[in-house]
Amino acid sequence: MTDRTDEPNQLYETEEREREREEERALFARYIEDPTPLNEERIVEKFKPLVYRIVHKFKYQPDQFDDLVQVGS
């Protein structure tokens, strides 16, 4: 069996995920230190793609999409 962590693409993806986690931790730390609407909005914007992915998994009426995104944000 081959150790797949040596493969360049997987190594890049692992490093990219770690950079993302560091960015997320920094956003939350900044918000804890300075809970301004701007810092809150930065967190909301960072996680919007996740909200959209989750909303797309639900069965909903077309007019409910924006409501679900708003609740997730």
Protein backbone atom coordinates (compact mmCIF):
# COMPACT_ATOMS: atom_id res chain seq x y z
CA MET A 1 0.00 0.00 0.00
CA THR A 2 1.31 3.45 -0.90
CA ASP A 3 1.40 6.37 1.49
CA ARG A 4 -0.86 8.82 -0.33
CA THR A 5 0.28 11.84 1.69
CA ASP A 6 3.36 11.93 -0.55
CA GLU A 7 1.27 12.65 -3.61
CA PRO A 8 1.58 16.34 -4.58
CA ASN A 9 -2.14 16.96 -5.07
CA GLN A 10 -3.12 15.46 -1.75
CA LEU A 11 -0.35 17.33 0.02
CA TYR A 12 -1.52 20.58 -1.58
CA GLU A 13 -5.13 19.88 -0.55
CA THR A 14 -4.05 19.15 3.03
CA GLU A 15 -2.06 22.37 3.18
CA GLU A 16 -4.95 24.30 1.65
CA ARG A 17 -7.40 22.90 4.23
CA GLU A 18 -5.03 23.87 7.04
CA ARG A 19 -4.73 27.42 5.66
CA GLU A 20 -8.54 27.60 5.55
CA ARG A 21 -8.80 26.43 9.17
CA GLU A 22 -6.20 28.99 10.25
CA GLU A 23 -8.14 31.72 8.46
CA GLU A 24 -11.37 30.62 10.15
CA ARG A 25 -9.73 30.57 13.59
CA ALA A 26 -8.33 34.05 12.97
CA LEU A 27 -11.76 35.36 11.93
CA PHE A 28 -13.37 34.03 15.11
CA ALA A 29 -10.51 35.29 17.29
CA ARG A 30 -10.81 38.74 15.73
CA TYR A 31 -14.56 38.73 16.36
CA ILE A 32 -14.11 37.66 20.00
CA GLU A 33 -11.63 40.50 20.55
CA ASP A 34 -13.67 43.05 18.61
CA PRO A 35 -17.32 41.98 18.09
CA THR A 36 -18.17 44.63 15.52
CA PRO A 37 -20.73 44.21 12.74
CA LEU A 38 -17.84 44.25 10.24
CA ASN A 39 -16.12 41.28 11.87
CA GLU A 40 -19.45 39.46 12.12
CA GLU A 41 -20.08 40.07 8.42
CA ARG A 42 -16.64 38.66 7.56
CA ILE A 43 -17.59 35.39 9.27
CA VAL A 44 -20.97 35.29 7.53
CA GLU A 45 -19.34 35.85 4.13
CA LYS A 46 -16.72 33.18 4.80
CA PHE A 47 -19.38 30.55 5.48
CA LYS A 48 -21.94 31.53 2.81
CA PRO A 49 -20.77 28.79 0.42
CA LEU A 50 -21.44 26.24 3.16
CA VAL A 51 -24.93 27.67 3.71
CA TYR A 52 -25.68 27.43 -0.02
CA ARG A 53 -24.48 23.80 -0.15
CA ILE A 54 -26.68 22.87 2.80
CA VAL A 55 -29.74 24.71 1.44
CA HIS A 56 -29.39 22.95 -1.92
CA LYS A 57 -29.72 19.59 -0.13
CA PHE A 58 -33.20 20.48 1.14
CA LYS A 59 -36.42 20.12 -0.80
CA TYR A 60 -38.09 23.50 -0.73
CA GLN A 61 -40.45 25.69 -2.66
CA PRO A 62 -38.69 28.17 -5.00
CA ASP A 63 -39.78 31.13 -2.88
CA GLN A 64 -38.21 29.58 0.24
CA PHE A 65 -34.61 29.58 -1.02
CA ASP A 66 -33.81 33.13 0.13
CA ASP A 67 -35.47 32.49 3.50
CA LEU A 68 -33.36 29.38 4.07
CA VAL A 69 -30.17 31.22 3.11
CA GLN A 70 -31.08 34.07 5.47
CA VAL A 71 -31.64 31.65 8.36
CA GLY A 72 -28.30 30.00 7.60
CA SER A 73 -26.55 33.33 7.53
